[in-house]
Amino acid sequence: MKREILQKDEFTLQRLTPYLVSKKVQMVEVNMEPVSYRASAVFYPHGDRLIIFSKGDHLELLQRGREEDLIQFLGKQYNYPGKQLTDSEKEEKLRAVGLEADWRTYCVSRETLTLMESMPDVPLAGIAEIRKIIEQYEERWAPYLLEGDRASPNLRQRVYERSDYIRRYDPIRMAIEHKALTEEKLLSTVFVGGKSVCVRVMAPDAHLMPTLAAVDKQAALREIGRRLDLLGIEDMRLIRNLELCEYTFGYTRVSALPLVEREKTKGNKVEMPVRLNLFGRTDSGQGYARHPIYCIKQENEAFYVKLKEKAVVEWLRVNGINVDLGTPPISLGGKLIEDFPASTFSRFLDDYRKEKSVTRAPYPYVYTLLHTIAHQLIGIMSELSGLDLGSFGEHLFVPDTAFLVYRRGTTMDLGNLSSMWRNYTDPVYGNQVLEKMVRPENLRCGSETICQMRGGACPDCILLPETSCLTRNELLSRSVLTGRGSPSWDDQITPLSEGFYEVSRRLATAS
């Protein structure tokens, strides 16, 4: 029986009628998707997460109108060439603006720092304080000592077009956040509750190292260092009291993506829109109602990991992804920002969900590398700490080849990550976390052949709950670590020649 059309769209019917009569188009009936009775009211939450910084000095560079300052910051951060002034030239320029006394203090501080660094058993806090004074002078004098433009045309273009980038994938924001994290956490000498805010795993404090004899402690640190080299890791630290904010502004049913493909009448596949629902309005206390945004602030432990830039560049090279860093060479991070493929890094990474759809290029491969190692580390930490996979989160800093893995949760942090590291440290293996990462069998999958054919990422190996993953489990592949196969989105038929761990082992053995 024909259904009566209750709401006619006269304009659309007039435009479609000639095509229907000539049978150039086919009528397809599309009904609303049924929702399982088991689905909760908030089935696919939508939101984001961000690191909370107490100082906004560097974050202010992201504001509109600060583009030139941002360009100079990135140029300095990633070693873009610029004319280097001699000390006498600097002194002359500073004397011209009445800062001769500051220059003399700066020179004394620089000599003091050199002396302190050459002396054994000097407190790290004292060295950090002198270094901070020197950096403050250099930042204050930057406008007077700036010679030439420390940027390439491509870098300048990226800075001015970044307003169109998706925030969580913006490499320039990542660079700024990494600098802020470095100053506030990684180089911090602050103690909270009698514990240092940041501790290197190669220089652990009493809370990160079990009670061992001096000879066993040295053996454990030696084995930890050896495994870090084999993994291509330059630096690994425990951060205590990492502050984060997670917020949720709405939800969808049926799918987390804006479009879902369904097979309808006569086998036709139709892309159907998915409705984004905001949370119900609540009284704002100002005489009108607003849609709420639910925020959760948390303060938990995290592990910071930075890969060796040399190993990453070599891994890209052996797999035919050449990165021209110029002469004199700039840092890899600058080149990654220049080559950022903004058109493919959409909100839902649509291109990376399709097979053979993206050209093999440096940025997506470095992103996939960092993301995959982060998931591998989360899986091992979940196994050893007793926390479930959904209790972890991640944050990537692609230009700096670094990432964070942290505990998610609003309950009191009981030191699960530091306790795990301490409990699994021993003089034979160094630490079981790193030992498990090094061992090749821990990168195998129960569905190995099928998983490899589909890009090297499945629930049986490195996928996480979607709420814990930055990309809802896109841009992941074990192939970047093992060298077997290639990511599903890579448009080349040729598999990768070597995995990152193979390259880092080769470099570690050669050194």
Protein backbone atom coordinates (compact mmCIF):
# COMPACT_ATOMS: atom_id res chain seq x y z
CA MET A 1 0.00 0.00 0.00
CA LYS A 2 1.34 3.41 -0.92
CA ARG A 3 2.10 5.76 1.88
CA GLU A 4 0.79 9.28 1.67
CA ILE A 5 3.45 12.00 1.53
CA LEU A 6 2.47 14.28 4.34
CA GLN A 7 5.07 16.98 3.75
CA LYS A 8 5.71 17.66 0.09
CA ASP A 9 8.75 19.61 -1.01
CA GLU A 10 7.41 21.23 -4.18
CA PHE A 11 10.77 22.60 -5.31
CA THR A 12 12.56 19.26 -4.95
CA LEU A 13 9.72 17.35 -6.67
CA GLN A 14 9.77 19.75 -9.62
CA ARG A 15 13.51 19.33 -10.05
CA LEU A 16 13.42 15.52 -9.77
CA THR A 17 10.28 14.79 -11.85
CA PRO A 18 12.02 14.91 -15.31
CA TYR A 19 14.68 12.48 -14.10
CA LEU A 20 12.07 10.13 -12.59
CA VAL A 21 10.00 10.14 -15.77
CA SER A 22 13.05 9.41 -17.95
CA LYS A 23 14.19 6.78 -15.44
CA LYS A 24 17.59 8.41 -15.06
CA VAL A 25 17.27 8.19 -11.31
CA GLN A 26 15.71 5.59 -9.04
CA MET A 27 13.42 6.17 -6.08
CA VAL A 28 14.90 4.77 -2.88
CA GLU A 29 13.03 4.60 0.41
CA VAL A 30 15.13 5.63 3.39
CA ASN A 31 13.74 5.22 6.88
CA MET A 32 15.12 6.36 10.18
CA GLU A 33 17.66 3.91 11.62
CA PRO A 34 16.27 1.79 14.43
CA VAL A 35 18.16 2.04 17.72
CA SER A 36 18.71 -1.02 19.87
CA TYR A 37 16.74 -1.01 23.11
CA ARG A 38 20.04 -1.79 24.84
CA ALA A 39 21.61 1.51 23.76
CA SER A 40 22.03 4.10 26.49
CA ALA A 41 20.87 7.71 26.10
CA VAL A 42 24.48 8.83 25.60
CA PHE A 43 25.79 6.17 23.25
CA TYR A 44 28.68 7.94 21.46
CA PRO A 45 29.85 10.93 23.50
CA HIS A 46 31.56 13.77 21.62
CA GLY A 47 34.13 16.04 23.20
CA ASP A 48 37.84 16.57 23.58
CA ARG A 49 40.60 16.80 26.16
CA LEU A 50 43.32 19.31 26.88
CA ILE A 51 46.32 19.72 29.16
CA ILE A 52 46.00 22.45 31.77
CA PHE A 53 49.00 24.79 32.00
CA SER A 54 49.43 27.28 34.83
CA LYS A 55 51.31 29.77 32.64
CA GLY A 56 50.15 31.06 29.29
CA ASP A 57 53.35 32.69 28.02
CA HIS A 58 53.79 30.35 25.07
CA LEU A 59 50.11 29.55 24.54
CA GLU A 60 49.48 33.25 23.91
CA LEU A 61 51.49 32.89 20.69
CA LEU A 62 48.51 30.99 19.25
CA GLN A 63 46.29 34.06 19.48
CA ARG A 64 45.27 35.96 16.36
CA GLY A 65 47.66 38.83 15.71
CA ARG A 66 50.72 37.03 17.11
CA GLU A 67 51.59 35.22 13.87
CA GLU A 68 54.99 36.87 13.39
CA ASP A 69 56.01 36.10 16.98
CA LEU A 70 54.86 32.51 16.46
CA ILE A 71 56.93 32.23 13.28
CA GLN A 72 60.07 33.42 15.07
CA PHE A 73 59.41 31.00 17.95
CA LEU A 74 59.06 28.02 15.59
CA GLY A 75 62.13 29.11 13.63
CA LYS A 76 64.22 29.14 16.80
CA GLN A 77 62.67 25.95 18.19
CA TYR A 78 63.37 23.89 15.07
CA ASN A 79 66.76 25.38 14.16
CA TYR A 80 65.83 27.39 11.08
CA PRO A 81 68.96 29.26 9.98
CA GLY A 82 69.30 32.92 10.82
CA LYS A 83 72.25 35.22 11.17
CA GLN A 84 74.07 34.45 14.42
CA LEU A 85 75.41 37.54 16.21
CA THR A 86 78.75 37.48 18.00
CA ASP A 87 78.95 38.48 21.66
CA SER A 88 80.50 41.83 20.73
CA GLU A 89 77.66 42.53 18.26
CA LYS A 90 75.10 41.64 20.91
CA GLU A 91 76.79 43.87 23.47
CA GLU A 92 76.83 46.77 21.02
CA LYS A 93 73.12 46.43 20.23
CA LEU A 94 72.16 46.17 23.92
CA ARG A 95 74.33 49.14 24.87
CA ALA A 96 72.44 51.20 22.28
CA VAL A 97 69.18 50.59 24.15
CA GLY A 98 70.62 51.07 27.64
CA LEU A 99 70.94 47.38 28.65
CA GLU A 100 74.72 47.22 29.13
CA ALA A 101 74.40 46.33 32.86
CA ASP A 102 72.04 43.45 32.04
CA TRP A 103 74.54 42.15 29.49
CA ARG A 104 77.30 42.04 32.13
CA THR A 105 74.99 40.13 34.52
CA TYR A 106 74.12 37.74 31.69
CA CYS A 107 77.80 37.03 30.97
CA VAL A 108 78.51 36.32 34.65
CA SER A 109 75.50 33.96 34.83
CA ARG A 110 76.64 32.13 31.71
CA GLU A 111 80.14 31.60 33.14
CA THR A 112 78.63 30.43 36.44
CA LEU A 113 76.44 27.89 34.62
CA THR A 114 79.42 26.48 32.73
CA LEU A 115 81.36 26.12 35.98
CA MET A 116 78.44 24.47 37.86
CA GLU A 117 77.83 21.97 35.06
CA SER A 118 81.47 20.89 35.16
CA MET A 119 81.41 20.24 38.91
CA PRO A 120 80.12 16.95 40.38
CA ASP A 121 77.37 16.82 42.98
CA VAL A 122 76.01 20.30 42.22
CA PRO A 123 72.26 20.48 43.08
CA LEU A 124 70.12 20.29 39.97
CA ALA A 125 67.84 22.98 41.38
CA GLY A 126 70.73 25.47 41.40
CA ILE A 127 71.67 24.69 37.79
CA ALA A 128 68.02 25.01 36.71
CA GLU A 129 67.72 28.39 38.42
CA ILE A 130 70.81 29.80 36.65
CA ARG A 131 69.62 28.40 33.31
CA LYS A 132 66.21 30.01 33.85
CA ILE A 133 67.82 33.43 34.48
CA ILE A 134 69.83 33.13 31.24
CA GLU A 135 66.76 32.11 29.22
CA GLN A 136 64.76 35.03 30.62
CA TYR A 137 67.43 37.47 29.47
CA GLU A 138 67.55 35.91 25.99
CA GLU A 139 63.77 36.05 25.59
CA ARG A 140 63.66 39.66 26.82
CA TRP A 141 66.37 40.69 24.34
CA ALA A 142 64.93 38.83 21.32
CA PRO A 143 63.39 42.00 19.73
CA TYR A 144 66.76 43.79 19.88
CA LEU A 145 68.91 40.90 18.66
CA LEU A 146 66.66 39.57 15.88
CA GLU A 147 68.60 39.39 12.62
CA GLY A 148 66.83 38.07 9.56
CA ASP A 149 63.71 35.91 9.24
CA ARG A 150 64.09 32.47 10.84
CA ALA A 151 61.42 30.82 8.71
CA SER A 152 60.79 29.30 5.30
CA PRO A 153 57.89 30.36 3.06
CA ASN A 154 56.18 27.03 3.79
CA LEU A 155 56.41 27.50 7.56
CA ARG A 156 55.06 31.04 7.25
CA GLN A 157 52.14 29.76 5.15
CA ARG A 158 51.29 27.08 7.73
CA VAL A 159 51.20 29.65 10.54
CA TYR A 160 48.81 31.93 8.66
CA GLU A 161 46.46 29.13 7.55
CA ARG A 162 46.34 27.23 10.87
CA SER A 163 42.99 28.79 11.81
CA ASP A 164 41.46 26.22 9.43
CA TYR A 165 43.16 23.23 11.13
CA ILE A 166 41.32 20.83 13.40
CA ARG A 167 42.54 21.71 16.88
CA ARG A 168 43.56 18.24 18.07
CA TYR A 169 45.61 17.60 14.90
CA ASP A 170 47.21 21.05 14.63
CA PRO A 171 51.02 20.46 14.63
CA ILE A 172 51.77 24.08 15.57
CA ARG A 173 49.57 23.82 18.66
CA MET A 174 51.36 20.55 19.50
CA ALA A 175 54.73 22.35 19.28
CA ILE A 176 53.55 25.12 21.61
CA GLU A 177 52.04 22.62 24.08
CA HIS A 178 55.28 20.61 24.13
CA LYS A 179 57.28 23.74 24.92
CA ALA A 180 54.87 24.63 27.75
CA LEU A 181 55.01 21.05 29.08
CA THR A 182 58.81 21.12 28.98
CA GLU A 183 59.03 24.30 31.03
CA GLU A 184 56.26 23.51 33.52
CA LYS A 185 56.82 19.78 34.05
CA LEU A 186 59.85 18.24 32.38
CA LEU A 187 62.34 20.82 33.70
CA SER A 188 60.47 21.48 36.93
CA THR A 189 62.32 21.34 40.26
CA VAL A 190 59.07 21.58 42.25
CA PHE A 191 58.18 18.96 44.88
CA VAL A 192 54.57 18.02 45.66
CA GLY A 193 53.93 15.93 48.76
CA GLY A 194 57.66 15.31 49.13
CA LYS A 195 57.97 13.94 45.57
CA SER A 196 59.49 15.57 42.51
CA VAL A 197 56.95 16.56 39.84
CA CYS A 198 59.04 14.97 37.08
CA VAL A 199 61.58 12.13 37.29
CA ARG A 200 63.70 10.58 34.52
CA VAL A 201 63.59 6.79 34.51
CA MET A 202 67.38 6.87 34.11
CA ALA A 203 67.72 8.99 37.26
CA PRO A 204 64.91 7.66 39.48
CA ASP A 205 64.11 8.93 42.95
CA ALA A 206 63.42 6.69 45.94
CA HIS A 207 59.73 6.43 44.98
CA LEU A 208 60.49 5.08 41.50
CA MET A 209 63.31 2.66 42.32
CA PRO A 210 62.94 -0.39 44.59
CA THR A 211 65.32 -0.93 47.47
CA LEU A 212 68.36 -2.53 45.85
CA ALA A 213 72.03 -2.87 46.63
CA ALA A 214 74.19 -0.23 44.90
CA VAL A 215 75.59 -2.74 42.40
CA ASP A 216 72.09 -4.05 41.55
CA LYS A 217 70.77 -0.52 41.13
CA GLN A 218 73.51 0.29 38.64
CA ALA A 219 72.81 -2.95 36.77
CA ALA A 220 69.08 -2.13 36.59
CA LEU A 221 69.76 1.36 35.23
CA ARG A 222 72.22 -0.04 32.70
CA GLU A 223 69.61 -2.53 31.43
CA ILE A 224 66.92 0.18 31.31
CA GLY A 225 69.23 2.38 29.24
CA ARG A 226 70.05 -0.49 26.87
CA ARG A 227 66.38 -1.23 26.25
CA LEU A 228 65.58 2.44 25.70
CA ASP A 229 68.27 2.49 23.00
CA LEU A 230 66.87 -0.65 21.37
CA LEU A 231 63.43 0.98 21.27
CA GLY A 232 64.76 4.23 19.80
CA ILE A 233 63.66 6.20 22.88
CA GLU A 234 65.71 9.30 23.70
CA ASP A 235 63.97 10.23 26.94
CA MET A 236 61.36 8.70 29.23
CA ARG A 237 60.04 10.35 32.38
CA LEU A 238 57.35 9.94 34.99
CA ILE A 239 55.25 13.07 35.50
CA ARG A 240 53.27 13.41 38.69
CA ASN A 241 50.23 15.66 38.99
CA LEU A 242 49.60 16.08 35.26
CA GLU A 243 46.47 18.24 35.07
CA LEU A 244 43.96 17.55 32.31
CA CYS A 245 40.43 18.57 31.44
CA GLU A 246 38.07 16.32 29.48
CA TYR A 247 34.81 17.81 28.24
CA THR A 248 31.74 16.45 26.48
CA PHE A 249 29.29 18.66 24.59
CA GLY A 250 26.94 16.12 22.99
CA TYR A 251 26.32 12.61 21.75
CA THR A 252 25.13 10.58 18.77
CA ARG A 253 23.27 7.32 18.37
CA VAL A 254 23.88 4.61 15.74
CA SER A 255 27.43 5.82 14.89
CA ALA A 256 30.15 8.10 16.19
CA LEU A 257 30.68 9.45 12.66
CA PRO A 258 28.53 12.09 10.91
CA LEU A 259 27.55 9.69 8.10
CA VAL A 260 26.73 6.00 8.19
CA GLU A 261 26.42 3.79 5.11
CA ARG A 262 23.44 1.43 5.00
CA GLU A 263 22.11 -0.95 2.36
CA LYS A 264 18.56 -0.02 1.41
CA THR A 265 16.03 -0.82 -1.30
CA LYS A 266 17.23 -3.10 -4.09
CA GLY A 267 20.74 -3.33 -2.72
CA ASN A 268 21.47 0.38 -2.97
CA LYS A 269 23.93 1.75 -0.44
CA VAL A 270 22.99 5.10 1.00
CA GLU A 271 24.98 7.44 3.23
CA MET A 272 22.65 8.55 5.99
CA PRO A 273 23.33 11.52 8.26
CA VAL A 274 23.76 10.92 11.97
CA ARG A 275 22.24 13.49 14.25
CA LEU A 276 24.46 15.20 16.82
CA ASN A 277 22.45 15.78 19.98
CA LEU A 278 23.34 18.42 22.53
CA PHE A 279 22.60 17.75 26.17
CA GLY A 280 19.25 19.06 27.39
CA ARG A 281 19.06 22.71 28.39
CA THR A 282 19.55 23.53 32.04
CA ASP A 283 18.92 26.71 34.00
CA SER A 284 22.02 28.92 33.78
CA GLY A 285 20.99 30.96 36.82
CA GLN A 286 20.74 34.07 34.65
CA GLY A 287 17.11 33.81 33.71
CA TYR A 288 17.52 31.54 30.68
CA ALA A 289 18.54 27.96 29.90
CA ARG A 290 21.64 26.79 28.07
CA HIS A 291 22.98 23.52 26.71
CA PRO A 292 25.59 22.34 29.24
CA ILE A 293 29.13 21.20 28.49
CA TYR A 294 30.22 18.62 31.04
CA CYS A 295 33.85 18.92 32.16
CA ILE A 296 36.01 16.66 34.28
CA LYS A 297 39.28 17.94 35.68
CA GLN A 298 41.80 15.32 36.71
CA GLU A 299 45.32 15.25 38.12
CA ASN A 300 47.11 11.96 37.62
CA GLU A 301 50.45 10.34 36.84
CA ALA A 302 51.75 10.10 33.30
CA PHE A 303 54.72 8.75 31.37
CA TYR A 304 56.40 11.04 28.85
CA VAL A 305 58.25 9.37 25.97
CA LYS A 306 60.39 11.06 23.31
CA LEU A 307 61.79 9.14 20.35
CA LYS A 308 65.25 9.73 18.87
CA GLU A 309 64.92 12.08 15.92
CA LYS A 310 67.85 10.42 14.16
CA ALA A 311 66.12 7.01 14.34
CA VAL A 312 62.82 8.44 13.04
CA VAL A 313 64.55 10.14 10.08
CA GLU A 314 66.45 6.94 9.24
CA TRP A 315 63.25 4.88 9.48
CA LEU A 316 61.50 7.23 7.05
CA ARG A 317 64.49 7.08 4.68
CA VAL A 318 64.76 3.27 4.49
CA ASN A 319 61.04 3.10 3.70
CA GLY A 320 61.32 5.50 0.80
CA ILE A 321 59.84 8.50 2.63
CA ASN A 322 62.67 10.96 2.19
CA VAL A 323 62.75 14.09 4.33
CA ASP A 324 64.89 16.94 3.02
CA LEU A 325 66.00 18.91 6.08
CA GLY A 326 68.06 21.36 4.00
CA THR A 327 71.56 22.76 4.49
CA PRO A 328 72.26 23.59 7.23
CA PRO A 329 69.69 21.05 8.42
CA ILE A 330 66.63 22.13 10.36
CA SER A 331 65.00 19.84 12.94
CA LEU A 332 62.56 17.19 11.78
CA GLY A 333 59.72 18.98 13.59
CA GLY A 334 60.02 22.02 11.33
CA LYS A 335 59.76 19.87 8.21
CA LEU A 336 56.77 17.97 9.62
CA ILE A 337 54.95 21.26 10.23
CA GLU A 338 55.77 22.44 6.69
CA ASP A 339 54.50 19.18 5.16
CA PHE A 340 51.36 18.90 7.34
CA PRO A 341 48.58 17.54 5.03
CA ALA A 342 45.72 19.60 6.47
CA SER A 343 43.20 18.40 3.87
CA THR A 344 43.42 14.77 5.06
CA PHE A 345 43.39 15.54 8.80
CA SER A 346 39.68 16.29 9.02
CA ARG A 347 37.67 16.10 12.23
CA PHE A 348 36.85 12.41 11.73
CA LEU A 349 39.92 11.47 9.61
CA ASP A 350 37.64 10.39 6.74
CA ASP A 351 40.50 9.73 4.29
CA TYR A 352 42.36 7.46 6.72
CA ARG A 353 39.27 5.27 7.20
CA LYS A 354 39.40 4.31 3.50
CA GLU A 355 41.78 1.75 2.07
CA LYS A 356 44.61 2.87 -0.24
CA SER A 357 43.46 6.49 -0.14
CA VAL A 358 46.40 8.56 1.20
CA THR A 359 49.83 9.09 -0.32
CA ARG A 360 52.80 7.79 1.66
CA ALA A 361 54.21 10.92 3.33
CA PRO A 362 56.26 11.85 6.44
CA TYR A 363 53.61 13.44 8.68
CA PRO A 364 50.92 10.71 8.68
CA TYR A 365 53.62 8.05 9.11
CA VAL A 366 55.25 9.79 12.08
CA TYR A 367 51.79 10.31 13.60
CA THR A 368 50.99 6.60 13.10
CA LEU A 369 54.36 5.63 14.61
CA LEU A 370 53.89 7.68 17.80
CA HIS A 371 50.25 6.64 18.11
CA THR A 372 51.03 2.94 17.72
CA ILE A 373 53.84 2.98 20.31
CA ALA A 374 51.52 4.83 22.71
CA HIS A 375 48.89 2.09 22.32
CA GLN A 376 51.51 -0.62 22.75
CA LEU A 377 52.72 1.03 25.96
CA ILE A 378 49.15 1.40 27.26
CA GLY A 379 48.46 -2.29 26.64
CA ILE A 380 51.56 -3.35 28.59
CA MET A 381 50.89 -0.92 31.43
CA SER A 382 47.31 -2.14 31.69
CA GLU A 383 48.56 -5.71 32.00
CA LEU A 384 51.14 -4.90 34.70
CA SER A 385 49.34 -2.21 36.69
CA GLY A 386 45.93 -3.82 37.01
CA LEU A 387 44.19 -0.81 35.42
CA ASP A 388 41.83 -1.59 32.56
CA LEU A 389 42.49 -0.21 29.07
CA GLY A 390 39.74 2.37 29.42
CA SER A 391 41.59 3.89 32.40
CA PHE A 392 44.32 5.32 30.16
CA GLY A 393 44.58 8.31 27.86
CA GLU A 394 47.14 9.65 25.38
CA HIS A 395 48.42 12.94 24.00
CA LEU A 396 50.74 13.29 20.99
CA PHE A 397 53.37 15.93 20.16
CA VAL A 398 54.17 14.97 16.57
CA PRO A 399 56.72 17.70 15.65
CA ASP A 400 58.77 16.78 18.73
CA THR A 401 58.39 13.00 18.17
CA ALA A 402 57.00 12.63 21.70
CA PHE A 403 53.83 11.52 23.45
CA LEU A 404 52.18 11.22 26.86
CA VAL A 405 50.39 8.20 28.30
CA TYR A 406 48.44 8.96 31.45
CA ARG A 407 45.94 7.50 33.86
CA ARG A 408 42.39 8.75 33.31
CA GLY A 409 40.01 9.04 36.21
CA THR A 410 38.64 11.39 38.82
CA THR A 411 39.28 9.16 41.81
CA MET A 412 42.33 9.74 43.99
CA ASP A 413 45.56 8.87 42.21
CA LEU A 414 47.11 6.03 44.22
CA GLY A 415 50.34 6.06 42.24
CA ASN A 416 49.44 3.08 40.05
CA LEU A 417 51.97 3.93 37.32
CA SER A 418 54.91 4.74 39.59
CA SER A 419 54.18 1.65 41.71
CA MET A 420 54.05 -0.49 38.58
CA TRP A 421 57.41 0.84 37.39
CA ARG A 422 59.01 0.34 40.82
CA ASN A 423 57.61 -3.17 41.31
CA TYR A 424 58.80 -4.37 37.89
CA THR A 425 62.33 -2.94 38.08
CA ASP A 426 65.11 -5.49 38.58
CA PRO A 427 68.84 -5.81 37.79
CA VAL A 428 68.34 -8.56 35.17
CA TYR A 429 65.76 -7.03 32.80
CA GLY A 430 65.96 -3.41 33.87
CA ASN A 431 62.19 -3.01 33.79
CA GLN A 432 59.51 -5.40 32.59
CA VAL A 433 57.60 -2.62 30.80
CA LEU A 434 60.52 -2.00 28.46
CA GLU A 435 61.36 -5.70 28.26
CA LYS A 436 57.86 -6.47 26.99
CA MET A 437 58.12 -3.66 24.43
CA VAL A 438 61.45 -5.00 23.16
CA ARG A 439 60.36 -8.62 22.76
CA PRO A 440 59.01 -9.21 19.20
CA GLU A 441 56.38 -11.75 20.30
CA ASN A 442 54.51 -9.02 22.17
CA LEU A 443 53.73 -7.35 18.84
CA ARG A 444 52.08 -10.45 17.39
CA CYS A 445 48.33 -10.71 16.98
CA GLY A 446 46.00 -13.64 17.50
CA SER A 447 44.53 -12.88 14.07
CA GLU A 448 47.95 -12.22 12.56
CA THR A 449 47.36 -12.88 8.84
CA ILE A 450 43.92 -11.28 8.65
CA CYS A 451 45.02 -8.38 10.84
CA GLN A 452 48.09 -7.73 8.69
CA MET A 453 46.01 -7.78 5.50
CA ARG A 454 43.68 -5.17 6.99
CA GLY A 455 46.37 -2.73 8.05
CA GLY A 456 47.88 -4.29 11.18
CA ALA A 457 45.45 -3.00 13.81
CA CYS A 458 42.54 -4.87 15.38
CA PRO A 459 40.92 -5.41 18.82
CA ASP A 460 43.13 -8.45 19.31
CA CYS A 461 46.34 -6.39 19.33
CA ILE A 462 46.59 -2.60 19.69
CA LEU A 463 43.10 -1.10 19.55
CA LEU A 464 41.75 0.62 22.68
CA PRO A 465 38.26 1.62 23.78
CA GLU A 466 37.31 4.56 21.54
CA THR A 467 36.84 6.89 24.50
CA SER A 468 40.52 6.44 25.43
CA CYS A 469 41.92 6.98 21.93
CA LEU A 470 42.52 10.40 20.39
CA THR A 471 41.46 9.29 16.91
CA ARG A 472 38.84 6.60 17.67
CA ASN A 473 41.44 3.99 16.65
CA GLU A 474 42.48 5.48 13.32
CA LEU A 475 46.12 5.98 12.23
CA LEU A 476 47.31 2.78 13.90
CA SER A 477 49.36 -0.08 12.49
CA ARG A 478 51.79 -2.63 13.90
CA SER A 479 53.51 -2.56 10.50
CA VAL A 480 55.31 0.69 11.38
CA LEU A 481 57.04 -1.15 14.25
CA THR A 482 57.59 -4.58 12.69
CA GLY A 483 58.01 -3.78 8.99
CA ARG A 484 55.44 -6.38 7.95
CA GLY A 485 52.81 -4.92 5.61
CA SER A 486 51.73 -1.27 5.69
CA PRO A 487 48.86 0.82 7.11
CA SER A 488 45.51 0.28 5.38
CA TRP A 489 45.35 3.91 4.18
CA ASP A 490 48.74 3.79 2.41
CA ASP A 491 48.09 3.92 -1.35
CA GLN A 492 51.28 2.04 -2.26
CA ILE A 493 51.26 -1.69 -2.91
CA THR A 494 54.87 -2.15 -1.72
CA PRO A 495 55.02 -2.97 2.02
CA LEU A 496 57.38 -1.21 4.38
CA SER A 497 61.01 -2.31 4.17
CA GLU A 498 61.81 -2.06 7.88
CA GLY A 499 59.92 -1.40 11.07
CA PHE A 500 60.97 1.35 13.45
CA TYR A 501 62.16 -1.14 16.07
CA GLU A 502 64.36 -2.87 13.48
CA VAL A 503 65.95 0.47 12.55
CA SER A 504 66.47 1.52 16.18
CA ARG A 505 68.07 -1.84 17.03
CA ARG A 506 70.43 -1.49 14.10
CA LEU A 507 71.43 2.03 15.15
CA ALA A 508 71.84 0.97 18.80
CA THR A 509 74.08 -1.96 17.79
CA ALA A 510 76.18 0.24 15.52
CA SER A 511 76.81 2.73 18.33
